[in-house]
Amino acid sequence: PRRGLDRLPPAGGNVMELPGLLDHLEDIGPVVRAGRAGLMVDFDGTVSPIVSTPEAAVISPVALDALGRITGIVEMVCVISGRQLSDLLEKVDLPDATFVGNHGAEYLDGDGLRVEPGVASYRGAVARVLAHLKSRVDDPLIAWQDKSLAASIHYRRTHDPEDVARRLDAALGDAPGADRVESFWGKMVLELVAPLGLDKGHAVRKLSTERALDAVLFLGDDTTDATGMTAVRELREAGKLQGAAVAVLHDDTPDAVLRVADYTLPGIHGVERFLGWLANEVGQSSGVA
């Protein structure tokens, strides 16, 4: 089954009439002061610049410092990613934060490491589909990532990414066992996951319930973040919490993100400015210098 972008990845979207968050900070103060507040940030493209290969990504020192100051003041700071949890932990030194890896399949917090039930049983199916794609689409500039519970195929560095995406899509269409794997597209990446409906939206709902959150801020930039943003908006509209979904803008921001965001931030530097403001805001509210 194919989720979300069920064909090829679209071109970048239009900003439309979404308000810039840096011009509307007064809207966010009540959210982060709403009792038990949670901040959830995507990694790649949100607190870490997009780079040519996944292993080269480095978190913004400014963002890391701000997140460190916010952690321990609000109820939850969560870094959420499609990366494998072990990879994410190597990239982000943030004690006492919550981490979500593999699009909502893995969790690490004060309760220890948890993997969602049933995910491990699909490892073999994911590996077989990944092997089939590798055999059909032979390009030395593709980065093939076996993330144990999932897989990612990054083709940003290839000479003709659009052609590579078409070839991957065709190979996926006749991959043996593809019916036991869920697939979706992000920015220059094809994701293969267990078909259990585990995504960032699932993580938002799960952690909001477990932590009894009164408010959630979600920051992200890619198609895979749209499910998290949608969950925030649905929980807010149902009266279960306050919240805001924030799209981090790049030249290739997908329409799927812009359709469900409440506000925008201009790239990594915009995220840095916002997190710095937020760290000061929650620090002052709690009496922390």
C-alpha atoms as a PDB file:
ATOM      1  CA  PRO A   1       0.000   0.000   0.000  1.00  0.00           C
ATOM      2  CA  ARG A   2       1.051   3.547  -0.686  1.00  0.00           C
ATOM      3  CA  ARG A   3       0.212   6.377   1.667  1.00  0.00           C
ATOM      4  CA  GLY A   4      -0.014  10.148   1.205  1.00  0.00           C
ATOM      5  CA  LEU A   5       1.870  10.864  -2.013  1.00  0.00           C
ATOM      6  CA  ASP A   6       0.811   7.736  -3.805  1.00  0.00           C
ATOM      7  CA  ARG A   7       2.571   8.551  -7.047  1.00  0.00           C
ATOM      8  CA  LEU A   8       5.681  10.619  -7.608  1.00  0.00           C
ATOM      9  CA  PRO A   9       6.746  13.454  -5.300  1.00  0.00           C
ATOM     10  CA  PRO A  10       5.276  16.822  -6.341  1.00  0.00           C
ATOM     11  CA  ALA A  11       7.088  20.052  -6.932  1.00  0.00           C
ATOM     12  CA  GLY A  12       7.357  22.586  -4.126  1.00  0.00           C
ATOM     13  CA  GLY A  13       4.164  24.273  -3.041  1.00  0.00           C
ATOM     14  CA  ASN A  14       3.056  27.881  -2.746  1.00  0.00           C
ATOM     15  CA  VAL A  15       3.163  29.743   0.545  1.00  0.00           C
ATOM     16  CA  MET A  16      -0.378  31.018  -0.160  1.00  0.00           C
ATOM     17  CA  GLU A  17      -1.683  33.225   2.640  1.00  0.00           C
ATOM     18  CA  LEU A  18      -0.158  31.442   5.621  1.00  0.00           C
ATOM     19  CA  PRO A  19       1.002  33.922   8.284  1.00  0.00           C
ATOM     20  CA  GLY A  20       4.659  34.066   9.256  1.00  0.00           C
ATOM     21  CA  LEU A  21       5.092  32.902  12.837  1.00  0.00           C
ATOM     22  CA  LEU A  22       7.776  35.468  13.632  1.00  0.00           C
ATOM     23  CA  ASP A  23       5.163  38.174  12.988  1.00  0.00           C
ATOM     24  CA  HIS A  24       2.590  36.449  15.216  1.00  0.00           C
ATOM     25  CA  LEU A  25       4.542  35.395  18.293  1.00  0.00           C
ATOM     26  CA  GLU A  26       1.769  36.788  20.482  1.00  0.00           C
ATOM     27  CA  ASP A  27      -0.377  33.853  19.300  1.00  0.00           C
ATOM     28  CA  ILE A  28       2.072  31.308  20.674  1.00  0.00           C
ATOM     29  CA  GLY A  29       2.548  32.659  24.195  1.00  0.00           C
ATOM     30  CA  PRO A  30      -0.835  31.359  25.428  1.00  0.00           C
ATOM     31  CA  VAL A  31      -0.134  27.969  23.854  1.00  0.00           C
ATOM     32  CA  VAL A  32       3.173  27.356  25.635  1.00  0.00           C
ATOM     33  CA  ARG A  33       1.704  28.644  28.905  1.00  0.00           C
ATOM     34  CA  ALA A  34      -1.299  26.320  28.661  1.00  0.00           C
ATOM     35  CA  GLY A  35      -0.202  24.017  31.470  1.00  0.00           C
ATOM     36  CA  ARG A  36       1.416  20.852  30.109  1.00  0.00           C
ATOM     37  CA  ALA A  37       2.883  21.968  26.793  1.00  0.00           C
ATOM     38  CA  GLY A  38       4.816  19.892  24.280  1.00  0.00           C
ATOM     39  CA  LEU A  39       7.223  21.018  21.546  1.00  0.00           C
ATOM     40  CA  MET A  40       7.801  18.567  18.682  1.00  0.00           C
ATOM     41  CA  VAL A  41      10.430  19.319  16.031  1.00  0.00           C
ATOM     42  CA  ASP A  42      11.415  17.370  12.950  1.00  0.00           C
ATOM     43  CA  PHE A  43      15.175  16.921  12.426  1.00  0.00           C
ATOM     44  CA  ASP A  44      16.220  17.114   8.736  1.00  0.00           C
ATOM     45  CA  GLY A  45      15.224  20.433   7.189  1.00  0.00           C
ATOM     46  CA  THR A  46      13.872  21.795  10.466  1.00  0.00           C
ATOM     47  CA  VAL A  47      16.716  21.933  12.994  1.00  0.00           C
ATOM     48  CA  SER A  48      19.346  20.532  10.623  1.00  0.00           C
ATOM     49  CA  PRO A  49      20.019  21.890   7.108  1.00  0.00           C
ATOM     50  CA  ILE A  50      19.267  19.546   4.217  1.00  0.00           C
ATOM     51  CA  VAL A  51      22.535  18.086   2.910  1.00  0.00           C
ATOM     52  CA  SER A  52      23.492  15.815   0.032  1.00  0.00           C
ATOM     53  CA  THR A  53      23.841  12.650   2.126  1.00  0.00           C
ATOM     54  CA  PRO A  54      21.966  11.726   5.333  1.00  0.00           C
ATOM     55  CA  GLU A  55      25.116  10.982   7.317  1.00  0.00           C
ATOM     56  CA  ALA A  56      26.429  14.520   6.739  1.00  0.00           C
ATOM     57  CA  ALA A  57      23.531  16.206   8.544  1.00  0.00           C
ATOM     58  CA  VAL A  58      24.402  18.258  11.633  1.00  0.00           C
ATOM     59  CA  ILE A  59      21.973  19.946  13.999  1.00  0.00           C
ATOM     60  CA  SER A  60      22.093  23.726  14.197  1.00  0.00           C
ATOM     61  CA  PRO A  61      24.067  24.673  17.335  1.00  0.00           C
ATOM     62  CA  VAL A  62      21.705  27.598  17.881  1.00  0.00           C
ATOM     63  CA  ALA A  63      18.651  25.323  17.699  1.00  0.00           C
ATOM     64  CA  LEU A  64      20.286  22.739  19.950  1.00  0.00           C
ATOM     65  CA  ASP A  65      21.090  25.349  22.589  1.00  0.00           C
ATOM     66  CA  ALA A  66      17.529  26.680  22.561  1.00  0.00           C
ATOM     67  CA  LEU A  67      16.012  23.193  22.728  1.00  0.00           C
ATOM     68  CA  GLY A  68      18.264  22.409  25.668  1.00  0.00           C
ATOM     69  CA  ARG A  69      17.008  25.477  27.510  1.00  0.00           C
ATOM     70  CA  ILE A  70      13.381  24.618  26.784  1.00  0.00           C
ATOM     71  CA  THR A  71      13.766  20.991  27.895  1.00  0.00           C
ATOM     72  CA  GLY A  72      12.836  20.640  31.532  1.00  0.00           C
ATOM     73  CA  ILE A  73      10.685  23.772  31.526  1.00  0.00           C
ATOM     74  CA  VAL A  74       7.834  22.611  29.308  1.00  0.00           C
ATOM     75  CA  GLU A  75       6.358  19.169  29.804  1.00  0.00           C
ATOM     76  CA  MET A  76       7.955  17.664  26.686  1.00  0.00           C
ATOM     77  CA  VAL A  77      10.534  18.519  24.053  1.00  0.00           C
ATOM     78  CA  CYS A  78      10.499  15.886  21.329  1.00  0.00           C
ATOM     79  CA  VAL A  79      12.753  15.434  18.302  1.00  0.00           C
ATOM     80  CA  ILE A  80      10.861  13.348  15.770  1.00  0.00           C
ATOM     81  CA  SER A  81      12.317  11.903  12.570  1.00  0.00           C
ATOM     82  CA  GLY A  82      12.155   9.290   9.877  1.00  0.00           C
ATOM     83  CA  ARG A  83      15.709   8.404  10.871  1.00  0.00           C
ATOM     84  CA  GLN A  84      16.428   5.285  12.845  1.00  0.00           C
ATOM     85  CA  LEU A  85      16.414   6.113  16.542  1.00  0.00           C
ATOM     86  CA  SER A  86      20.058   5.162  17.071  1.00  0.00           C
ATOM     87  CA  ASP A  87      21.065   7.481  14.214  1.00  0.00           C
ATOM     88  CA  LEU A  88      18.980  10.329  15.609  1.00  0.00           C
ATOM     89  CA  LEU A  89      20.551   9.971  19.056  1.00  0.00           C
ATOM     90  CA  GLU A  90      24.018  10.278  17.538  1.00  0.00           C
ATOM     91  CA  LYS A  91      22.962  13.521  15.860  1.00  0.00           C
ATOM     92  CA  VAL A  92      21.197  15.189  18.790  1.00  0.00           C
ATOM     93  CA  ASP A  93      22.791  15.475  22.243  1.00  0.00           C
ATOM     94  CA  LEU A  94      19.734  16.505  24.223  1.00  0.00           C
ATOM     95  CA  PRO A  95      19.437  14.803  27.626  1.00  0.00           C
ATOM     96  CA  ASP A  96      15.915  14.485  29.052  1.00  0.00           C
ATOM     97  CA  ALA A  97      14.244  15.052  25.682  1.00  0.00           C
ATOM     98  CA  THR A  98      11.903  12.572  24.043  1.00  0.00           C
ATOM     99  CA  PHE A  99      12.982  11.010  20.741  1.00  0.00           C
ATOM    100  CA  VAL A 100      10.830   9.402  18.062  1.00  0.00           C
ATOM    101  CA  GLY A 101      12.448   7.473  15.219  1.00  0.00           C
ATOM    102  CA  ASN A 102      11.361   5.636  12.080  1.00  0.00           C
ATOM    103  CA  HIS A 103       8.246   7.789  11.580  1.00  0.00           C
ATOM    104  CA  GLY A 104       6.615   6.917  14.893  1.00  0.00           C
ATOM    105  CA  ALA A 105       7.751   3.297  15.264  1.00  0.00           C
ATOM    106  CA  GLU A 106      10.442   3.888  17.943  1.00  0.00           C
ATOM    107  CA  TYR A 107      10.345   5.953  21.146  1.00  0.00           C
ATOM    108  CA  LEU A 108      12.907   6.883  23.763  1.00  0.00           C
ATOM    109  CA  ASP A 109      12.008   8.870  26.878  1.00  0.00           C
ATOM    110  CA  GLY A 110      12.071   8.517  30.646  1.00  0.00           C
ATOM    111  CA  ASP A 111      10.302   5.173  30.337  1.00  0.00           C
ATOM    112  CA  GLY A 112      13.121   3.780  28.203  1.00  0.00           C
ATOM    113  CA  LEU A 113      13.175   2.451  24.633  1.00  0.00           C
ATOM    114  CA  ARG A 114       9.895   1.289  23.136  1.00  0.00           C
ATOM    115  CA  VAL A 115       9.062  -0.142  19.716  1.00  0.00           C
ATOM    116  CA  GLU A 116       5.455  -0.183  18.582  1.00  0.00           C
ATOM    117  CA  PRO A 117       3.908  -3.679  18.588  1.00  0.00           C
ATOM    118  CA  GLY A 118       4.103  -5.646  15.356  1.00  0.00           C
ATOM    119  CA  VAL A 119       6.699  -3.485  13.599  1.00  0.00           C
ATOM    120  CA  ALA A 120       9.557  -5.966  13.890  1.00  0.00           C
ATOM    121  CA  SER A 121       7.592  -8.666  12.052  1.00  0.00           C
ATOM    122  CA  TYR A 122       7.808  -6.588   8.846  1.00  0.00           C
ATOM    123  CA  ARG A 123      11.603  -6.285   8.800  1.00  0.00           C
ATOM    124  CA  GLY A 124      11.947  -9.083   6.267  1.00  0.00           C
ATOM    125  CA  ALA A 125       9.324  -7.650   3.919  1.00  0.00           C
ATOM    126  CA  VAL A 126      10.951  -4.205   4.002  1.00  0.00           C
ATOM    127  CA  ALA A 127      14.388  -5.728   3.340  1.00  0.00           C
ATOM    128  CA  ARG A 128      13.100  -7.734   0.353  1.00  0.00           C
ATOM    129  CA  VAL A 129      11.452  -4.717  -1.275  1.00  0.00           C
ATOM    130  CA  LEU A 130      14.595  -2.666  -0.682  1.00  0.00           C
ATOM    131  CA  ALA A 131      16.739  -5.376  -2.304  1.00  0.00           C
ATOM    132  CA  HIS A 132      14.413  -5.484  -5.317  1.00  0.00           C
ATOM    133  CA  LEU A 133      14.632  -1.725  -5.811  1.00  0.00           C
ATOM    134  CA  LYS A 134      18.423  -1.848  -5.584  1.00  0.00           C
ATOM    135  CA  SER A 135      18.523  -4.539  -8.254  1.00  0.00           C
ATOM    136  CA  ARG A 136      16.264  -2.576 -10.601  1.00  0.00           C
ATOM    137  CA  VAL A 137      17.546   0.983 -10.137  1.00  0.00           C
ATOM    138  CA  ASP A 138      21.318   0.886 -10.341  1.00  0.00           C
ATOM    139  CA  ASP A 139      22.703   4.346  -9.619  1.00  0.00           C
ATOM    140  CA  PRO A 140      25.873   4.814  -7.537  1.00  0.00           C
ATOM    141  CA  LEU A 141      24.645   8.185  -6.270  1.00  0.00           C
ATOM    142  CA  ILE A 142      21.560   6.766  -4.555  1.00  0.00           C
ATOM    143  CA  ALA A 143      21.936   6.434  -0.771  1.00  0.00           C
ATOM    144  CA  TRP A 144      20.234   3.211   0.318  1.00  0.00           C
ATOM    145  CA  GLN A 145      19.391   3.211   4.026  1.00  0.00           C
ATOM    146  CA  ASP A 146      18.348   0.006   5.779  1.00  0.00           C
ATOM    147  CA  LYS A 147      16.954   1.335   9.069  1.00  0.00           C
ATOM    148  CA  SER A 148      16.139  -2.115  10.454  1.00  0.00           C
ATOM    149  CA  LEU A 149      12.437  -1.402  11.011  1.00  0.00           C
ATOM    150  CA  ALA A 150      12.130   0.664   7.818  1.00  0.00           C
ATOM    151  CA  ALA A 151      14.157   1.821   4.822  1.00  0.00           C
ATOM    152  CA  SER A 152      14.876   5.075   2.991  1.00  0.00           C
ATOM    153  CA  ILE A 153      16.094   5.576  -0.562  1.00  0.00           C
ATOM    154  CA  HIS A 154      17.678   9.027  -0.974  1.00  0.00           C
ATOM    155  CA  TYR A 155      18.263  10.192  -4.558  1.00  0.00           C
ATOM    156  CA  ARG A 156      19.072  13.892  -4.064  1.00  0.00           C
ATOM    157  CA  ARG A 157      22.644  13.496  -5.373  1.00  0.00           C
ATOM    158  CA  THR A 158      21.698  11.725  -8.603  1.00  0.00           C
ATOM    159  CA  HIS A 159      22.150  13.547 -11.911  1.00  0.00           C
ATOM    160  CA  ASP A 160      18.454  13.292 -12.850  1.00  0.00           C
ATOM    161  CA  PRO A 161      16.364  12.922  -9.668  1.00  0.00           C
ATOM    162  CA  GLU A 162      13.046  13.031 -11.526  1.00  0.00           C
ATOM    163  CA  ASP A 163      14.062  10.117 -13.747  1.00  0.00           C
ATOM    164  CA  VAL A 164      15.352   8.159 -10.757  1.00  0.00           C
ATOM    165  CA  ALA A 165      12.051   8.743  -8.946  1.00  0.00           C
ATOM    166  CA  ARG A 166      10.117   7.423 -11.958  1.00  0.00           C
ATOM    167  CA  ARG A 167      12.325   4.334 -12.109  1.00  0.00           C
ATOM    168  CA  LEU A 168      11.938   3.709  -8.387  1.00  0.00           C
ATOM    169  CA  ASP A 169       8.190   4.078  -8.691  1.00  0.00           C
ATOM    170  CA  ALA A 170       8.062   1.583 -11.575  1.00  0.00           C
ATOM    171  CA  ALA A 171      10.243  -0.900  -9.668  1.00  0.00           C
ATOM    172  CA  LEU A 172       8.064  -0.519  -6.594  1.00  0.00           C
ATOM    173  CA  GLY A 173       5.017  -1.374  -8.663  1.00  0.00           C
ATOM    174  CA  ASP A 174       6.219  -4.914  -9.369  1.00  0.00           C
ATOM    175  CA  ALA A 175       8.321  -5.572  -6.259  1.00  0.00           C
ATOM    176  CA  PRO A 176       7.601  -9.020  -4.757  1.00  0.00           C
ATOM    177  CA  GLY A 177       5.980  -8.562  -1.373  1.00  0.00           C
ATOM    178  CA  ALA A 178       5.288  -4.855  -1.890  1.00  0.00           C
ATOM    179  CA  ASP A 179       1.740  -5.457  -0.633  1.00  0.00           C
ATOM    180  CA  ARG A 180       3.237  -6.102   2.833  1.00  0.00           C
ATOM    181  CA  VAL A 181       5.079  -2.777   2.902  1.00  0.00           C
ATOM    182  CA  GLU A 182       3.781   0.785   3.053  1.00  0.00           C
ATOM    183  CA  SER A 183       5.570   3.374   0.913  1.00  0.00           C
ATOM    184  CA  PHE A 184       5.484   7.149   0.616  1.00  0.00           C
ATOM    185  CA  TRP A 185       7.573   9.966  -0.836  1.00  0.00           C
ATOM    186  CA  GLY A 186       9.380  12.828   0.862  1.00  0.00           C
ATOM    187  CA  LYS A 187      11.859  15.370  -0.489  1.00  0.00           C
ATOM    188  CA  MET A 188      14.108  13.351  -2.798  1.00  0.00           C
ATOM    189  CA  VAL A 189      13.461  10.229  -0.723  1.00  0.00           C
ATOM    190  CA  LEU A 190      11.275   7.147  -0.925  1.00  0.00           C
ATOM    191  CA  GLU A 191      10.306   5.596   2.422  1.00  0.00           C
ATOM    192  CA  LEU A 192       9.421   1.955   3.086  1.00  0.00           C
ATOM    193  CA  VAL A 193       7.722   1.165   6.399  1.00  0.00           C
ATOM    194  CA  ALA A 194       5.542  -1.426   8.101  1.00  0.00           C
ATOM    195  CA  PRO A 195       1.885  -1.086   6.986  1.00  0.00           C
ATOM    196  CA  LEU A 196       0.603  -0.311  10.471  1.00  0.00           C
ATOM    197  CA  GLY A 197      -0.367   3.336  10.087  1.00  0.00           C
ATOM    198  CA  LEU A 198       2.633   4.485  12.088  1.00  0.00           C
ATOM    199  CA  ASP A 199       3.579   8.041  11.193  1.00  0.00           C
ATOM    200  CA  LYS A 200       4.250  11.360  12.880  1.00  0.00           C
ATOM    201  CA  GLY A 201       0.527  11.894  13.355  1.00  0.00           C
ATOM    202  CA  HIS A 202       0.381   8.647  15.308  1.00  0.00           C
ATOM    203  CA  ALA A 203       3.281   9.897  17.440  1.00  0.00           C
ATOM    204  CA  VAL A 204       1.541  13.220  18.152  1.00  0.00           C
ATOM    205  CA  ARG A 205      -1.616  11.461  19.314  1.00  0.00           C
ATOM    206  CA  LYS A 206       0.274   8.860  21.331  1.00  0.00           C
ATOM    207  CA  LEU A 207       2.514  11.305  23.186  1.00  0.00           C
ATOM    208  CA  SER A 208      -0.277  13.836  23.718  1.00  0.00           C
ATOM    209  CA  THR A 209      -2.302  11.153  25.472  1.00  0.00           C
ATOM    210  CA  GLU A 210       0.573   9.613  27.431  1.00  0.00           C
ATOM    211  CA  ARG A 211       1.813  12.989  28.686  1.00  0.00           C
ATOM    212  CA  ALA A 212      -1.697  14.429  29.154  1.00  0.00           C
ATOM    213  CA  LEU A 213      -0.608  17.459  27.138  1.00  0.00           C
ATOM    214  CA  ASP A 214      -2.678  20.623  27.111  1.00  0.00           C
ATOM    215  CA  ALA A 215      -0.850  22.087  24.094  1.00  0.00           C
ATOM    216  CA  VAL A 216       1.420  20.982  21.249  1.00  0.00           C
ATOM    217  CA  LEU A 217       3.627  22.929  18.838  1.00  0.00           C
ATOM    218  CA  PHE A 218       4.799  20.922  15.824  1.00  0.00           C
ATOM    219  CA  LEU A 219       7.540  22.146  13.446  1.00  0.00           C
ATOM    220  CA  GLY A 220       8.364  20.366  10.196  1.00  0.00           C
ATOM    221  CA  ASP A 221       9.180  20.858   6.535  1.00  0.00           C
ATOM    222  CA  ASP A 222       8.450  17.682   4.567  1.00  0.00           C
ATOM    223  CA  THR A 223       5.567  15.500   3.465  1.00  0.00           C
ATOM    224  CA  THR A 224       6.158  13.106   6.337  1.00  0.00           C
ATOM    225  CA  ASP A 225       5.550  16.004   8.751  1.00  0.00           C
ATOM    226  CA  ALA A 226       2.107  16.723   7.312  1.00  0.00           C
ATOM    227  CA  THR A 227       0.576  13.861   9.303  1.00  0.00           C
ATOM    228  CA  GLY A 228       1.923  15.357  12.535  1.00  0.00           C
ATOM    229  CA  MET A 229       0.546  18.774  11.630  1.00  0.00           C
ATOM    230  CA  THR A 230      -2.823  17.271  10.739  1.00  0.00           C
ATOM    231  CA  ALA A 231      -2.968  15.495  14.104  1.00  0.00           C
ATOM    232  CA  VAL A 232      -2.301  18.754  15.952  1.00  0.00           C
ATOM    233  CA  ARG A 233      -5.059  20.520  14.044  1.00  0.00           C
ATOM    234  CA  GLU A 234      -7.548  17.664  14.564  1.00  0.00           C
ATOM    235  CA  LEU A 235      -6.851  17.478  18.304  1.00  0.00           C
ATOM    236  CA  ARG A 236      -7.229  21.249  18.545  1.00  0.00           C
ATOM    237  CA  GLU A 237     -10.482  21.290  16.599  1.00  0.00           C
ATOM    238  CA  ALA A 238     -11.826  18.490  18.803  1.00  0.00           C
ATOM    239  CA  GLY A 239     -11.124  20.653  21.852  1.00  0.00           C
ATOM    240  CA  LYS A 240      -8.591  18.221  23.295  1.00  0.00           C
ATOM    241  CA  LEU A 241      -5.670  20.661  23.375  1.00  0.00           C
ATOM    242  CA  GLN A 242      -4.317  23.953  22.117  1.00  0.00           C
ATOM    243  CA  GLY A 243      -1.757  23.777  19.370  1.00  0.00           C
ATOM    244  CA  ALA A 244      -0.158  25.065  16.215  1.00  0.00           C
ATOM    245  CA  ALA A 245       1.420  23.441  13.165  1.00  0.00           C
ATOM    246  CA  VAL A 246       4.389  25.303  11.691  1.00  0.00           C
ATOM    247  CA  ALA A 247       5.818  24.750   8.193  1.00  0.00           C
ATOM    248  CA  VAL A 248       9.542  25.429   7.780  1.00  0.00           C
ATOM    249  CA  LEU A 249       9.893  26.921   4.320  1.00  0.00           C
ATOM    250  CA  HIS A 250      12.447  25.894   1.707  1.00  0.00           C
ATOM    251  CA  ASP A 251      12.408  26.214  -2.071  1.00  0.00           C
ATOM    252  CA  ASP A 252      10.844  22.755  -2.384  1.00  0.00           C
ATOM    253  CA  THR A 253       8.293  22.867   0.438  1.00  0.00           C
ATOM    254  CA  PRO A 254       5.545  20.392  -0.566  1.00  0.00           C
ATOM    255  CA  ASP A 255       1.924  21.451  -0.978  1.00  0.00           C
ATOM    256  CA  ALA A 256       0.959  18.696   1.475  1.00  0.00           C
ATOM    257  CA  VAL A 257       2.715  20.617   4.257  1.00  0.00           C
ATOM    258  CA  LEU A 258       1.335  24.033   3.335  1.00  0.00           C
ATOM    259  CA  ARG A 259      -2.221  22.714   3.224  1.00  0.00           C
ATOM    260  CA  VAL A 260      -2.167  21.719   6.903  1.00  0.00           C
ATOM    261  CA  ALA A 261       0.147  24.314   8.490  1.00  0.00           C
ATOM    262  CA  ASP A 262      -1.065  27.241  10.580  1.00  0.00           C
ATOM    263  CA  TYR A 263       2.118  29.332  10.322  1.00  0.00           C
ATOM    264  CA  THR A 264       5.425  29.390   8.481  1.00  0.00           C
ATOM    265  CA  LEU A 265       9.057  29.977   9.422  1.00  0.00           C
ATOM    266  CA  PRO A 266      11.692  31.006   6.842  1.00  0.00           C
ATOM    267  CA  GLY A 267      14.126  28.087   6.797  1.00  0.00           C
ATOM    268  CA  ILE A 268      16.552  26.956   9.477  1.00  0.00           C
ATOM    269  CA  HIS A 269      17.413  30.532  10.455  1.00  0.00           C
ATOM    270  CA  GLY A 270      13.733  31.187  11.093  1.00  0.00           C
ATOM    271  CA  VAL A 271      13.562  28.112  13.318  1.00  0.00           C
ATOM    272  CA  GLU A 272      16.632  29.331  15.215  1.00  0.00           C
ATOM    273  CA  ARG A 273      15.034  32.733  15.817  1.00  0.00           C
ATOM    274  CA  PHE A 274      11.758  31.195  16.940  1.00  0.00           C
ATOM    275  CA  LEU A 275      13.339  28.642  19.279  1.00  0.00           C
ATOM    276  CA  GLY A 276      15.525  31.357  20.791  1.00  0.00           C
ATOM    277  CA  TRP A 277      12.423  33.473  21.447  1.00  0.00           C
ATOM    278  CA  LEU A 278      10.574  30.451  22.832  1.00  0.00           C
ATOM    279  CA  ALA A 279      13.438  29.564  25.193  1.00  0.00           C
ATOM    280  CA  ASN A 280      13.366  33.090  26.600  1.00  0.00           C
ATOM    281  CA  GLU A 281       9.562  33.099  26.798  1.00  0.00           C
ATOM    282  CA  VAL A 282       9.231  29.858  28.741  1.00  0.00           C
ATOM    283  CA  GLY A 283      12.247  30.718  30.864  1.00  0.00           C
ATOM    284  CA  GLN A 284      10.708  34.006  31.960  1.00  0.00           C
ATOM    285  CA  SER A 285       7.325  32.378  32.573  1.00  0.00           C
ATOM    286  CA  SER A 286       8.882  29.749  34.836  1.00  0.00           C
ATOM    287  CA  GLY A 287      11.265  32.120  36.588  1.00  0.00           C
ATOM    288  CA  VAL A 288      14.328  30.451  35.065  1.00  0.00           C
ATOM    289  CA  ALA A 289      17.076  32.953  34.310  1.00  0.00           C
END
